[in-house]
PDB file of N, CA and C in Angstrom:
ATOM      1  N   MET A   1     111.797  99.734 251.094  1.00  0.00           N
ATOM      2  CA  MET A   1     111.701  98.661 250.131  1.00  0.00           C
ATOM      3  C   MET A   1     113.027  97.907 250.133  1.00  0.00           C
ATOM      4  N   THR A   2     112.956  96.592 250.071  1.00  0.00           N
ATOM      5  CA  THR A   2     114.158  95.771 250.066  1.00  0.00           C
ATOM      6  C   THR A   2     114.369  95.134 248.699  1.00  0.00           C
ATOM      7  N   VAL A   3     115.574  94.643 248.486  1.00  0.00           N
ATOM      8  CA  VAL A   3     115.912  93.967 247.238  1.00  0.00           C
ATOM      9  C   VAL A   3     115.365  92.545 247.296  1.00  0.00           C
ATOM     10  N   GLN A   4     114.659  92.140 246.243  1.00  0.00           N
ATOM     11  CA  GLN A   4     114.090  90.800 246.123  1.00  0.00           C
ATOM     12  C   GLN A   4     115.004  89.961 245.241  1.00  0.00           C
ATOM     13  N   THR A   5     115.123  88.655 245.527  1.00  0.00           N
ATOM     14  CA  THR A   5     116.035  87.792 244.784  1.00  0.00           C
ATOM     15  C   THR A   5     115.366  86.485 244.392  1.00  0.00           C
ATOM     16  N   GLY A   6     115.719  85.983 243.205  1.00  0.00           N
ATOM     17  CA  GLY A   6     115.271  84.671 242.742  1.00  0.00           C
ATOM     18  C   GLY A   6     116.383  84.024 241.942  1.00  0.00           C
ATOM     19  N   LEU A   7     116.352  82.683 241.821  1.00  0.00           N
ATOM     20  CA  LEU A   7     117.379  81.941 241.097  1.00  0.00           C
ATOM     21  C   LEU A   7     116.765  81.121 239.980  1.00  0.00           C
ATOM     22  N   VAL A   8     117.479  81.052 238.860  1.00  0.00           N
ATOM     23  CA  VAL A   8     117.076  80.244 237.715  1.00  0.00           C
ATOM     24  C   VAL A   8     118.278  79.392 237.334  1.00  0.00           C
ATOM     25  N   GLU A   9     118.049  78.123 237.085  1.00  0.00           N
ATOM     26  CA  GLU A   9     119.132  77.220 236.704  1.00  0.00           C
ATOM     27  C   GLU A   9     119.585  77.497 235.268  1.00  0.00           C
ATOM     28  N   LEU A  10     120.901  77.565 235.069  1.00  0.00           N
ATOM     29  CA  LEU A  10     121.458  77.694 233.726  1.00  0.00           C
ATOM     30  C   LEU A  10     121.611  76.289 233.137  1.00  0.00           C
ATOM     31  N   LEU A  11     121.300  76.143 231.860  1.00  0.00           N
ATOM     32  CA  LEU A  11     121.284  74.846 231.205  1.00  0.00           C
ATOM     33  C   LEU A  11     122.257  74.821 230.033  1.00  0.00           C
ATOM     34  N   THR A  12     122.401  73.647 229.439  1.00  0.00           N
ATOM     35  CA  THR A  12     123.211  73.488 228.239  1.00  0.00           C
ATOM     36  C   THR A  12     122.280  73.439 227.038  1.00  0.00           C
ATOM     37  N   LEU A  13     122.570  74.275 226.041  1.00  0.00           N
ATOM     38  CA  LEU A  13     121.764  74.270 224.819  1.00  0.00           C
ATOM     39  C   LEU A  13     121.990  72.981 224.040  1.00  0.00           C
ATOM     40  N   HIS A  14     120.970  72.557 223.326  1.00  0.00           N
ATOM     41  CA  HIS A  14     121.035  71.404 222.419  1.00  0.00           C
ATOM     42  C   HIS A  14     121.440  70.121 223.128  1.00  0.00           C
ATOM     43  N   SER A  15     121.072  69.982 224.382  1.00  0.00           N
ATOM     44  CA  SER A  15     121.349  68.765 225.134  1.00  0.00           C
ATOM     45  C   SER A  15     120.077  67.926 225.185  1.00  0.00           C
ATOM     46  N   PRO A  16     120.191  66.609 225.005  1.00  0.00           N
ATOM     47  CA  PRO A  16     118.999  65.761 225.076  1.00  0.00           C
ATOM     48  C   PRO A  16     118.285  65.845 226.430  1.00  0.00           C
ATOM     49  N   SER A  17     119.041  66.162 227.477  1.00  0.00           N
ATOM     50  CA  SER A  17     118.422  66.237 228.806  1.00  0.00           C
ATOM     51  C   SER A  17     117.693  67.557 229.044  1.00  0.00           C
ATOM     52  N   THR A  18     117.910  68.544 228.192  1.00  0.00           N
ATOM     53  CA  THR A  18     117.248  69.845 228.350  1.00  0.00           C
ATOM     54  C   THR A  18     116.706  70.337 227.009  1.00  0.00           C
ATOM     55  N   PRO A  19     115.740  69.608 226.430  1.00  0.00           N
ATOM     56  CA  PRO A  19     115.235  70.010 225.110  1.00  0.00           C
ATOM     57  C   PRO A  19     114.488  71.341 225.115  1.00  0.00           C
ATOM     58  N   ASP A  20     114.032  71.784 226.297  1.00  0.00           N
ATOM     59  CA  ASP A  20     113.276  73.040 226.381  1.00  0.00           C
ATOM     60  C   ASP A  20     114.157  74.249 226.691  1.00  0.00           C
ATOM     61  N   ALA A  21     115.482  74.070 226.668  1.00  0.00           N
ATOM     62  CA  ALA A  21     116.405  75.170 226.958  1.00  0.00           C
ATOM     63  C   ALA A  21     116.419  76.175 225.809  1.00  0.00           C
ATOM     64  N   LYS A  22     116.431  77.465 226.186  1.00  0.00           N
ATOM     65  CA  LYS A  22     116.513  78.554 225.209  1.00  0.00           C
ATOM     66  C   LYS A  22     117.573  79.540 225.666  1.00  0.00           C
ATOM     67  N   GLU A  23     118.163  80.242 224.700  1.00  0.00           N
ATOM     68  CA  GLU A  23     119.100  81.319 225.040  1.00  0.00           C
ATOM     69  C   GLU A  23     118.358  82.335 225.914  1.00  0.00           C
ATOM     70  N   LEU A  24     119.080  82.980 226.805  1.00  0.00           N
ATOM     71  CA  LEU A  24     118.480  83.946 227.721  1.00  0.00           C
ATOM     72  C   LEU A  24     117.671  85.008 226.980  1.00  0.00           C
ATOM     73  N   ILE A  25     118.196  85.531 225.888  1.00  0.00           N
ATOM     74  CA  ILE A  25     117.493  86.584 225.151  1.00  0.00           C
ATOM     75  C   ILE A  25     116.189  86.055 224.553  1.00  0.00           C
ATOM     76  N   GLU A  26     116.197  84.825 224.027  1.00  0.00           N
ATOM     77  CA  GLU A  26     114.959  84.223 223.506  1.00  0.00           C
ATOM     78  C   GLU A  26     113.946  84.027 224.622  1.00  0.00           C
ATOM     79  N   ALA A  27     114.422  83.567 225.779  1.00  0.00           N
ATOM     80  CA  ALA A  27     113.534  83.350 226.922  1.00  0.00           C
ATOM     81  C   ALA A  27     112.938  84.676 227.405  1.00  0.00           C
ATOM     82  N   LEU A  28     113.720  85.748 227.354  1.00  0.00           N
ATOM     83  CA  LEU A  28     113.190  87.065 227.722  1.00  0.00           C
ATOM     84  C   LEU A  28     112.116  87.507 226.728  1.00  0.00           C
ATOM     85  N   GLY A  29     112.279  87.140 225.460  1.00  0.00           N
ATOM     86  CA  GLY A  29     111.250  87.428 224.456  1.00  0.00           C
ATOM     87  C   GLY A  29     109.950  86.712 224.792  1.00  0.00           C
ATOM     88  N   ASP A  30     110.047  85.452 225.219  1.00  0.00           N
ATOM     89  CA  ASP A  30     108.853  84.709 225.644  1.00  0.00           C
ATOM     90  C   ASP A  30     108.216  85.375 226.863  1.00  0.00           C
ATOM     91  N   PHE A  31     109.058  85.801 227.797  1.00  0.00           N
ATOM     92  CA  PHE A  31     108.576  86.503 228.987  1.00  0.00           C
ATOM     93  C   PHE A  31     107.790  87.755 228.591  1.00  0.00           C
ATOM     94  N   ALA A  32     108.319  88.510 227.649  1.00  0.00           N
ATOM     95  CA  ALA A  32     107.679  89.760 227.225  1.00  0.00           C
ATOM     96  C   ALA A  32     106.336  89.516 226.544  1.00  0.00           C
ATOM     97  N   LYS A  33     106.197  88.397 225.849  1.00  0.00           N
ATOM     98  CA  LYS A  33     104.954  88.089 225.123  1.00  0.00           C
ATOM     99  C   LYS A  33     103.854  87.534 226.020  1.00  0.00           C
ATOM    100  N   SER A  34     104.208  87.104 227.196  1.00  0.00           N
ATOM    101  CA  SER A  34     103.272  86.436 228.091  1.00  0.00           C
ATOM    102  C   SER A  34     102.141  87.363 228.545  1.00  0.00           C
ATOM    103  N   ARG A  35     100.945  86.821 228.608  1.00  0.00           N
ATOM    104  CA  ARG A  35      99.791  87.591 229.088  1.00  0.00           C
ATOM    105  C   ARG A  35      99.996  88.004 230.543  1.00  0.00           C
ATOM    106  N   ALA A  36     100.581  87.105 231.351  1.00  0.00           N
ATOM    107  CA  ALA A  36     100.833  87.426 232.762  1.00  0.00           C
ATOM    108  C   ALA A  36     101.803  88.603 232.885  1.00  0.00           C
ATOM    109  N   THR A  37     102.782  88.676 231.988  1.00  0.00           N
ATOM    110  CA  THR A  37     103.730  89.795 232.003  1.00  0.00           C
ATOM    111  C   THR A  37     103.032  91.087 231.615  1.00  0.00           C
ATOM    112  N   ARG A  38     102.198  91.037 230.587  1.00  0.00           N
ATOM    113  CA  ARG A  38     101.467  92.246 230.182  1.00  0.00           C
ATOM    114  C   ARG A  38     100.570  92.743 231.310  1.00  0.00           C
ATOM    115  N   GLU A  39      99.946  91.827 232.056  1.00  0.00           N
ATOM    116  CA  GLU A  39      99.121  92.225 233.203  1.00  0.00           C
ATOM    117  C   GLU A  39      99.979  92.859 234.299  1.00  0.00           C
ATOM    118  N   LEU A  40     101.165  92.310 234.522  1.00  0.00           N
ATOM    119  CA  LEU A  40     102.085  92.881 235.512  1.00  0.00           C
ATOM    120  C   LEU A  40     102.498  94.292 235.104  1.00  0.00           C
ATOM    121  N   ILE A  41     102.793  94.491 233.831  1.00  0.00           N
ATOM    122  CA  ILE A  41     103.177  95.820 233.331  1.00  0.00           C
ATOM    123  C   ILE A  41     102.030  96.807 233.508  1.00  0.00           C
ATOM    124  N   ARG A  42     100.805  96.394 233.160  1.00  0.00           N
ATOM    125  CA  ARG A  42      99.634  97.280 233.348  1.00  0.00           C
ATOM    126  C   ARG A  42      99.473  97.664 234.814  1.00  0.00           C
ATOM    127  N   SER A  43      99.657  96.701 235.692  1.00  0.00           N
ATOM    128  CA  SER A  43      99.551  96.969 237.127  1.00  0.00           C
ATOM    129  C   SER A  43     100.607  97.979 237.576  1.00  0.00           C
ATOM    130  N   ASN A  44     101.833  97.827 237.057  1.00  0.00           N
ATOM    131  CA  ASN A  44     102.907  98.769 237.404  1.00  0.00           C
ATOM    132  C   ASN A  44     102.582 100.175 236.921  1.00  0.00           C
ATOM    133  N   VAL A  45     102.032 100.274 235.710  1.00  0.00           N
ATOM    134  CA  VAL A  45     101.672 101.584 235.152  1.00  0.00           C
ATOM    135  C   VAL A  45     100.581 102.228 236.005  1.00  0.00           C
ATOM    136  N   GLN A  46      99.586 101.438 236.400  1.00  0.00           N
ATOM    137  CA  GLN A  46      98.513 101.978 237.234  1.00  0.00           C
ATOM    138  C   GLN A  46      99.045 102.472 238.580  1.00  0.00           C
ATOM    139  N   ARG A  47     100.047 101.797 239.100  1.00  0.00           N
ATOM    140  CA  ARG A  47     100.633 102.198 240.385  1.00  0.00           C
ATOM    141  C   ARG A  47     101.703 103.277 240.213  1.00  0.00           C
ATOM    142  N   ARG A  48     101.984 103.666 238.955  1.00  0.00           N
ATOM    143  CA  ARG A  48     102.999 104.672 238.628  1.00  0.00           C
ATOM    144  C   ARG A  48     104.390 104.259 239.108  1.00  0.00           C
ATOM    145  N   ILE A  49     104.719 102.973 238.896  1.00  0.00           N
ATOM    146  CA  ILE A  49     106.039 102.448 239.231  1.00  0.00           C
ATOM    147  C   ILE A  49     106.690 101.990 237.935  1.00  0.00           C
ATOM    148  N   GLN A  50     107.912 102.464 237.690  1.00  0.00           N
ATOM    149  CA  GLN A  50     108.627 102.108 236.467  1.00  0.00           C
ATOM    150  C   GLN A  50     109.682 101.056 236.777  1.00  0.00           C
ATOM    151  N   CYS A  51     109.823 100.096 235.860  1.00  0.00           N
ATOM    152  CA  CYS A  51     110.822  99.036 236.004  1.00  0.00           C
ATOM    153  C   CYS A  51     111.733  99.020 234.786  1.00  0.00           C
ATOM    154  N   ALA A  52     112.990  98.670 235.004  1.00  0.00           N
ATOM    155  CA  ALA A  52     113.957  98.514 233.917  1.00  0.00           C
ATOM    156  C   ALA A  52     114.806  97.283 234.204  1.00  0.00           C
ATOM    157  N   LEU A  53     115.175  96.562 233.137  1.00  0.00           N
ATOM    158  CA  LEU A  53     116.020  95.381 233.264  1.00  0.00           C
ATOM    159  C   LEU A  53     117.444  95.746 232.890  1.00  0.00           C
ATOM    160  N   ARG A  54     118.409  95.230 233.652  1.00  0.00           N
ATOM    161  CA  ARG A  54     119.826  95.352 233.287  1.00  0.00           C
ATOM    162  C   ARG A  54     120.323  93.932 233.048  1.00  0.00           C
ATOM    163  N   VAL A  55     120.459  93.588 231.776  1.00  0.00           N
ATOM    164  CA  VAL A  55     120.855  92.237 231.377  1.00  0.00           C
ATOM    165  C   VAL A  55     122.296  92.286 230.898  1.00  0.00           C
ATOM    166  N   PRO A  56     123.155  91.381 231.394  1.00  0.00           N
ATOM    167  CA  PRO A  56     124.562  91.414 230.969  1.00  0.00           C
ATOM    168  C   PRO A  56     124.697  90.979 229.512  1.00  0.00           C
ATOM    169  N   LEU A  57     125.639  91.579 228.822  1.00  0.00           N
ATOM    170  CA  LEU A  57     125.985  91.136 227.477  1.00  0.00           C
ATOM    171  C   LEU A  57     126.976  89.994 227.652  1.00  0.00           C
ATOM    172  N   LEU A  58     126.520  88.797 227.366  1.00  0.00           N
ATOM    173  CA  LEU A  58     127.311  87.612 227.653  1.00  0.00           C
ATOM    174  C   LEU A  58     128.019  87.102 226.409  1.00  0.00           C
ATOM    175  N   LYS A  59     129.293  86.797 226.547  1.00  0.00           N
ATOM    176  CA  LYS A  59     130.066  86.265 225.433  1.00  0.00           C
ATOM    177  C   LYS A  59     129.516  84.897 225.031  1.00  0.00           C
ATOM    178  N   ASP A  60     129.339  84.039 226.001  1.00  0.00           N
ATOM    179  CA  ASP A  60     128.769  82.715 225.748  1.00  0.00           C
ATOM    180  C   ASP A  60     127.305  82.768 226.116  1.00  0.00           C
ATOM    181  N   GLY A  61     126.453  82.334 225.207  1.00  0.00           N
ATOM    182  CA  GLY A  61     125.023  82.342 225.487  1.00  0.00           C
ATOM    183  C   GLY A  61     124.703  81.449 226.672  1.00  0.00           C
ATOM    184  N   HIS A  62     123.847  81.908 227.505  1.00  0.00           N
ATOM    185  CA  HIS A  62     123.400  81.113 228.644  1.00  0.00           C
ATOM    186  C   HIS A  62     121.970  80.691 228.383  1.00  0.00           C
ATOM    187  N   ALA A  63     121.714  79.421 228.589  1.00  0.00           N
ATOM    188  CA  ALA A  63     120.387  78.881 228.316  1.00  0.00           C
ATOM    189  C   ALA A  63     119.608  78.696 229.616  1.00  0.00           C
ATOM    190  N   VAL A  64     118.303  78.892 229.520  1.00  0.00           N
ATOM    191  CA  VAL A  64     117.390  78.721 230.646  1.00  0.00           C
ATOM    192  C   VAL A  64     116.092  78.118 230.118  1.00  0.00           C
ATOM    193  N   ARG A  65     115.263  77.644 231.029  1.00  0.00           N
ATOM    194  CA  ARG A  65     113.901  77.256 230.663  1.00  0.00           C
ATOM    195  C   ARG A  65     113.062  78.530 230.694  1.00  0.00           C
ATOM    196  N   SER A  66     112.439  78.867 229.598  1.00  0.00           N
ATOM    197  CA  SER A  66     111.742  80.156 229.545  1.00  0.00           C
ATOM    198  C   SER A  66     110.569  80.194 230.518  1.00  0.00           C
ATOM    199  N   THR A  67     109.919  79.064 230.779  1.00  0.00           N
ATOM    200  CA  THR A  67     108.806  79.072 231.743  1.00  0.00           C
ATOM    201  C   THR A  67     109.319  79.349 233.151  1.00  0.00           C
ATOM    202  N   GLU A  68     110.456  78.755 233.500  1.00  0.00           N
ATOM    203  CA  GLU A  68     111.039  78.994 234.822  1.00  0.00           C
ATOM    204  C   GLU A  68     111.498  80.444 234.948  1.00  0.00           C
ATOM    205  N   LEU A  69     112.171  80.959 233.913  1.00  0.00           N
ATOM    206  CA  LEU A  69     112.614  82.348 233.932  1.00  0.00           C
ATOM    207  C   LEU A  69     111.423  83.283 234.114  1.00  0.00           C
ATOM    208  N   GLY A  70     110.370  83.082 233.338  1.00  0.00           N
ATOM    209  CA  GLY A  70     109.189  83.943 233.432  1.00  0.00           C
ATOM    210  C   GLY A  70     108.566  83.916 234.811  1.00  0.00           C
ATOM    211  N   ARG A  71     108.429  82.711 235.372  1.00  0.00           N
ATOM    212  CA  ARG A  71     107.812  82.573 236.694  1.00  0.00           C
ATOM    213  C   ARG A  71     108.632  83.289 237.762  1.00  0.00           C
ATOM    214  N   VAL A  72     109.946  83.065 237.765  1.00  0.00           N
ATOM    215  CA  VAL A  72     110.820  83.691 238.769  1.00  0.00           C
ATOM    216  C   VAL A  72     110.883  85.199 238.559  1.00  0.00           C
ATOM    217  N   LEU A  73     111.022  85.632 237.327  1.00  0.00           N
ATOM    218  CA  LEU A  73     111.134  87.060 237.033  1.00  0.00           C
ATOM    219  C   LEU A  73     109.875  87.815 237.429  1.00  0.00           C
ATOM    220  N   ARG A  74     108.703  87.269 237.089  1.00  0.00           N
ATOM    221  CA  ARG A  74     107.445  87.932 237.500  1.00  0.00           C
ATOM    222  C   ARG A  74     107.313  87.974 239.015  1.00  0.00           C
ATOM    223  N   LYS A  75     107.691  86.895 239.694  1.00  0.00           N
ATOM    224  CA  LYS A  75     107.592  86.851 241.162  1.00  0.00           C
ATOM    225  C   LYS A  75     108.493  87.906 241.795  1.00  0.00           C
ATOM    226  N   VAL A  76     109.730  87.999 241.328  1.00  0.00           N
ATOM    227  CA  VAL A  76     110.688  88.960 241.891  1.00  0.00           C
ATOM    228  C   VAL A  76     110.227  90.392 241.614  1.00  0.00           C
ATOM    229  N   ILE A  77     109.808  90.662 240.377  1.00  0.00           N
ATOM    230  CA  ILE A  77     109.344  92.015 240.046  1.00  0.00           C
ATOM    231  C   ILE A  77     108.098  92.362 240.842  1.00  0.00           C
ATOM    232  N   ARG A  78     107.144  91.440 240.905  1.00  0.00           N
ATOM    233  CA  ARG A  78     105.894  91.699 241.643  1.00  0.00           C
ATOM    234  C   ARG A  78     106.196  92.023 243.102  1.00  0.00           C
ATOM    235  N   SER A  79     107.100  91.254 243.732  1.00  0.00           N
ATOM    236  CA  SER A  79     107.455  91.507 245.137  1.00  0.00           C
ATOM    237  C   SER A  79     108.091  92.880 245.311  1.00  0.00           C
ATOM    238  N   ALA A  80     108.983  93.248 244.395  1.00  0.00           N
ATOM    239  CA  ALA A  80     109.640  94.559 244.490  1.00  0.00           C
ATOM    240  C   ALA A  80     108.636  95.689 244.281  1.00  0.00           C
ATOM    241  N   VAL A  81     107.734  95.505 243.329  1.00  0.00           N
ATOM    242  CA  VAL A  81     106.737  96.543 243.037  1.00  0.00           C
ATOM    243  C   VAL A  81     105.753  96.688 244.192  1.00  0.00           C
ATOM    244  N   GLU A  82     105.341  95.572 244.784  1.00  0.00           N
ATOM    245  CA  GLU A  82     104.397  95.642 245.908  1.00  0.00           C
ATOM    246  C   GLU A  82     105.000  96.372 247.100  1.00  0.00           C
ATOM    247  N   ALA A  83     106.326  96.336 247.224  1.00  0.00           N
ATOM    248  CA  ALA A  83     107.000  97.028 248.322  1.00  0.00           C
ATOM    249  C   ALA A  83     107.333  98.475 247.962  1.00  0.00           C
ATOM    250  N   SER A  84     106.957  98.902 246.765  1.00  0.00           N
ATOM    251  CA  SER A  84     107.271 100.247 246.280  1.00  0.00           C
ATOM    252  C   SER A  84     106.116 101.207 246.501  1.00  0.00           C
ATOM    253  N   SER A  85     106.423 102.464 246.368  1.00  0.00           N
ATOM    254  CA  SER A  85     105.419 103.522 246.441  1.00  0.00           C
ATOM    255  C   SER A  85     105.265 104.139 245.059  1.00  0.00           C
ATOM    256  N   PRO A  86     104.125 104.762 244.792  1.00  0.00           N
ATOM    257  CA  PRO A  86     103.951 105.422 243.494  1.00  0.00           C
ATOM    258  C   PRO A  86     105.110 106.382 243.207  1.00  0.00           C
ATOM    259  N   GLY A  87     105.591 106.333 241.965  1.00  0.00           N
ATOM    260  CA  GLY A  87     106.703 107.178 241.555  1.00  0.00           C
ATOM    261  C   GLY A  87     108.067 106.538 241.736  1.00  0.00           C
ATOM    262  N   ASP A  88     108.131 105.379 242.391  1.00  0.00           N
ATOM    263  CA  ASP A  88     109.415 104.702 242.581  1.00  0.00           C
ATOM    264  C   ASP A  88     109.915 104.105 241.271  1.00  0.00           C
ATOM    265  N   HIS A  89     111.212 103.859 241.221  1.00  0.00           N
ATOM    266  CA  HIS A  89     111.855 103.207 240.079  1.00  0.00           C
ATOM    267  C   HIS A  89     112.450 101.893 240.567  1.00  0.00           C
ATOM    268  N   VAL A  90     112.151 100.803 239.863  1.00  0.00           N
ATOM    269  CA  VAL A  90     112.657  99.481 240.213  1.00  0.00           C
ATOM    270  C   VAL A  90     113.614  99.014 239.121  1.00  0.00           C
ATOM    271  N   LEU A  91     114.798  98.563 239.523  1.00  0.00           N
ATOM    272  CA  LEU A  91     115.762  97.980 238.593  1.00  0.00           C
ATOM    273  C   LEU A  91     115.821  96.471 238.822  1.00  0.00           C
ATOM    274  N   VAL A  92     115.962  95.720 237.742  1.00  0.00           N
ATOM    275  CA  VAL A  92     116.074  94.270 237.806  1.00  0.00           C
ATOM    276  C   VAL A  92     117.421  93.898 237.203  1.00  0.00           C
ATOM    277  N   ASP A  93     118.252  93.219 237.987  1.00  0.00           N
ATOM    278  CA  ASP A  93     119.581  92.803 237.541  1.00  0.00           C
ATOM    279  C   ASP A  93     119.624  91.296 237.328  1.00  0.00           C
ATOM    280  N   PHE A  94     120.386  90.876 236.317  1.00  0.00           N
ATOM    281  CA  PHE A  94     120.643  89.470 236.032  1.00  0.00           C
ATOM    282  C   PHE A  94     122.122  89.230 236.308  1.00  0.00           C
ATOM    283  N   ILE A  95     122.432  88.286 237.186  1.00  0.00           N
ATOM    284  CA  ILE A  95     123.805  88.027 237.582  1.00  0.00           C
ATOM    285  C   ILE A  95     124.083  86.534 237.412  1.00  0.00           C
ATOM    286  N   VAL A  96     125.109  86.195 236.644  1.00  0.00           N
ATOM    287  CA  VAL A  96     125.498  84.797 236.489  1.00  0.00           C
ATOM    288  C   VAL A  96     126.394  84.442 237.669  1.00  0.00           C
ATOM    289  N   THR A  97     125.981  83.419 238.436  1.00  0.00           N
ATOM    290  CA  THR A  97     126.742  83.020 239.621  1.00  0.00           C
ATOM    291  C   THR A  97     127.751  81.929 239.263  1.00  0.00           C
ATOM    292  N   ALA A  98     128.674  81.675 240.182  1.00  0.00           N
ATOM    293  CA  ALA A  98     129.715  80.670 239.960  1.00  0.00           C
ATOM    294  C   ALA A  98     129.145  79.250 239.932  1.00  0.00           C
ATOM    295  N   ASP A  99     127.981  79.040 240.518  1.00  0.00           N
ATOM    296  CA  ASP A  99     127.407  77.693 240.579  1.00  0.00           C
ATOM    297  C   ASP A  99     126.365  77.437 239.478  1.00  0.00           C
ATOM    298  N   SER A 100     126.572  78.046 238.323  1.00  0.00           N
ATOM    299  CA  SER A 100     125.720  77.829 237.138  1.00  0.00           C
ATOM    300  C   SER A 100     124.254  78.160 237.377  1.00  0.00           C
ATOM    301  N   ARG A 101     124.050  79.292 237.977  1.00  0.00           N
ATOM    302  CA  ARG A 101     122.690  79.790 238.175  1.00  0.00           C
ATOM    303  C   ARG A 101     122.633  81.237 237.711  1.00  0.00           C
ATOM    304  N   LEU A 102     121.438  81.660 237.406  1.00  0.00           N
ATOM    305  CA  LEU A 102     121.188  83.048 237.058  1.00  0.00           C
ATOM    306  C   LEU A 102     120.432  83.654 238.232  1.00  0.00           C
ATOM    307  N   GLU A 103     121.077  84.609 238.898  1.00  0.00           N
ATOM    308  CA  GLU A 103     120.452  85.273 240.034  1.00  0.00           C
ATOM    309  C   GLU A 103     119.730  86.511 239.512  1.00  0.00           C
ATOM    310  N   ILE A 104     118.483  86.645 239.885  1.00  0.00           N
ATOM    311  CA  ILE A 104     117.680  87.801 239.473  1.00  0.00           C
ATOM    312  C   ILE A 104     117.360  88.599 240.717  1.00  0.00           C
ATOM    313  N   LYS A 105     117.765  89.878 240.702  1.00  0.00           N
ATOM    314  CA  LYS A 105     117.525  90.774 241.832  1.00  0.00           C
ATOM    315  C   LYS A 105     116.700  91.956 241.353  1.00  0.00           C
ATOM    316  N   ALA A 106     115.718  92.333 242.142  1.00  0.00           N
ATOM    317  CA  ALA A 106     114.901  93.513 241.828  1.00  0.00           C
ATOM    318  C   ALA A 106     114.762  94.343 243.087  1.00  0.00           C
ATOM    319  N   GLY A 107     114.901  95.638 242.908  1.00  0.00           N
ATOM    320  CA  GLY A 107     114.766  96.524 244.052  1.00  0.00           C
ATOM    321  C   GLY A 107     114.783  97.970 243.611  1.00  0.00           C
ATOM    322  N   PRO A 108     114.725  98.860 244.583  1.00  0.00           N
ATOM    323  CA  PRO A 108     114.726 100.286 244.256  1.00  0.00           C
ATOM    324  C   PRO A 108     116.018 100.670 243.564  1.00  0.00           C
ATOM    325  N   ALA A 109     115.902 101.508 242.560  1.00  0.00           N
ATOM    326  CA  ALA A 109     117.070 101.916 241.783  1.00  0.00           C
ATOM    327  C   ALA A 109     118.162 102.486 242.669  1.00  0.00           C
ATOM    328  N   THR A 110     117.791 103.171 243.730  1.00  0.00           N
ATOM    329  CA  THR A 110     118.781 103.792 244.612  1.00  0.00           C
ATOM    330  C   THR A 110     119.564 102.762 245.419  1.00  0.00           C
ATOM    331  N   GLN A 111     119.042 101.531 245.561  1.00  0.00           N
ATOM    332  CA  GLN A 111     119.721 100.496 246.334  1.00  0.00           C
ATOM    333  C   GLN A 111     120.405  99.443 245.475  1.00  0.00           C
ATOM    334  N   MET A 112     120.242  99.513 244.156  1.00  0.00           N
ATOM    335  CA  MET A 112     120.759  98.454 243.299  1.00  0.00           C
ATOM    336  C   MET A 112     122.215  98.663 242.887  1.00  0.00           C
ATOM    337  N   GLY A 113     122.812  99.767 243.262  1.00  0.00           N
ATOM    338  CA  GLY A 113     124.234  99.991 243.029  1.00  0.00           C
ATOM    339  C   GLY A 113     124.579 100.379 241.609  1.00  0.00           C
ATOM    340  N   GLY A 114     125.613 101.179 241.475  1.00  0.00           N
ATOM    341  CA  GLY A 114     126.120 101.572 240.176  1.00  0.00           C
ATOM    342  C   GLY A 114     125.280 102.598 239.446  1.00  0.00           C
ATOM    343  N   VAL A 115     124.273 103.127 240.106  1.00  0.00           N
ATOM    344  CA  VAL A 115     123.381 104.074 239.439  1.00  0.00           C
ATOM    345  C   VAL A 115     123.241 105.315 240.307  1.00  0.00           C
ATOM    346  N   ASP A 116     123.550 106.470 239.734  1.00  0.00           N
ATOM    347  CA  ASP A 116     123.351 107.717 240.472  1.00  0.00           C
ATOM    348  C   ASP A 116     122.038 108.359 240.027  1.00  0.00           C
ATOM    349  N   GLY A 117     121.668 109.441 240.651  1.00  0.00           N
ATOM    350  CA  GLY A 117     120.390 110.093 240.361  1.00  0.00           C
ATOM    351  C   GLY A 117     120.229 110.502 238.906  1.00  0.00           C
ATOM    352  N   ALA A 118     121.295 111.022 238.286  1.00  0.00           N
ATOM    353  CA  ALA A 118     121.217 111.445 236.882  1.00  0.00           C
ATOM    354  C   ALA A 118     121.012 110.249 235.961  1.00  0.00           C
ATOM    355  N   ALA A 119     121.682 109.138 236.265  1.00  0.00           N
ATOM    356  CA  ALA A 119     121.517 107.931 235.439  1.00  0.00           C
ATOM    357  C   ALA A 119     120.107 107.379 235.570  1.00  0.00           C
ATOM    358  N   ILE A 120     119.555 107.410 236.774  1.00  0.00           N
ATOM    359  CA  ILE A 120     118.179 106.946 236.984  1.00  0.00           C
ATOM    360  C   ILE A 120     117.226 107.774 236.138  1.00  0.00           C
ATOM    361  N   ASP A 121     117.422 109.090 236.134  1.00  0.00           N
ATOM    362  CA  ASP A 121     116.560 109.960 235.320  1.00  0.00           C
ATOM    363  C   ASP A 121     116.664 109.614 233.840  1.00  0.00           C
ATOM    364  N   ARG A 122     117.885 109.328 233.349  1.00  0.00           N
ATOM    365  CA  ARG A 122     118.059 108.978 231.926  1.00  0.00           C
ATOM    366  C   ARG A 122     117.423 107.629 231.604  1.00  0.00           C
ATOM    367  N   ILE A 123     117.555 106.648 232.489  1.00  0.00           N
ATOM    368  CA  ILE A 123     116.990 105.313 232.261  1.00  0.00           C
ATOM    369  C   ILE A 123     115.479 105.396 232.151  1.00  0.00           C
ATOM    370  N   PHE A 124     114.867 106.173 233.021  1.00  0.00           N
ATOM    371  CA  PHE A 124     113.408 106.197 233.104  1.00  0.00           C
ATOM    372  C   PHE A 124     112.764 107.378 232.398  1.00  0.00           C
ATOM    373  N   SER A 125     113.530 108.179 231.656  1.00  0.00           N
ATOM    374  CA  SER A 125     112.924 109.316 230.964  1.00  0.00           C
ATOM    375  C   SER A 125     112.121 108.807 229.767  1.00  0.00           C
ATOM    376  N   PRO A 126     110.993 109.472 229.477  1.00  0.00           N
ATOM    377  CA  PRO A 126     110.140 109.006 228.371  1.00  0.00           C
ATOM    378  C   PRO A 126     110.755 109.226 227.009  1.00  0.00           C
TER     379      PRO A 126
END
């Protein structure tokens, strides 16, 4: 399984040119409420693949379009899950790049870096 990547443009909050911009955490809330996301989660459960998000705690709020975030996030997760086997663990990382983009990476927990076997067990324990 390989690491999947997608990009989302970071926006300025309260700007007339981006009236649909939301803080990243609010946009993730919209993502979680989406019917398409719930279907993706059900599919992951049926395939016995667990996913976890690692979202940075950001000093300055970063704004995104929640529809764009949801579309990219579901695509990246779906690609990583389709390349997985039952029982695999998928981690999703959010990385703010220097060019004002949010890079979303999803892949096997063992390849996503910074996580050892014991930490993986703690992240995914019921």
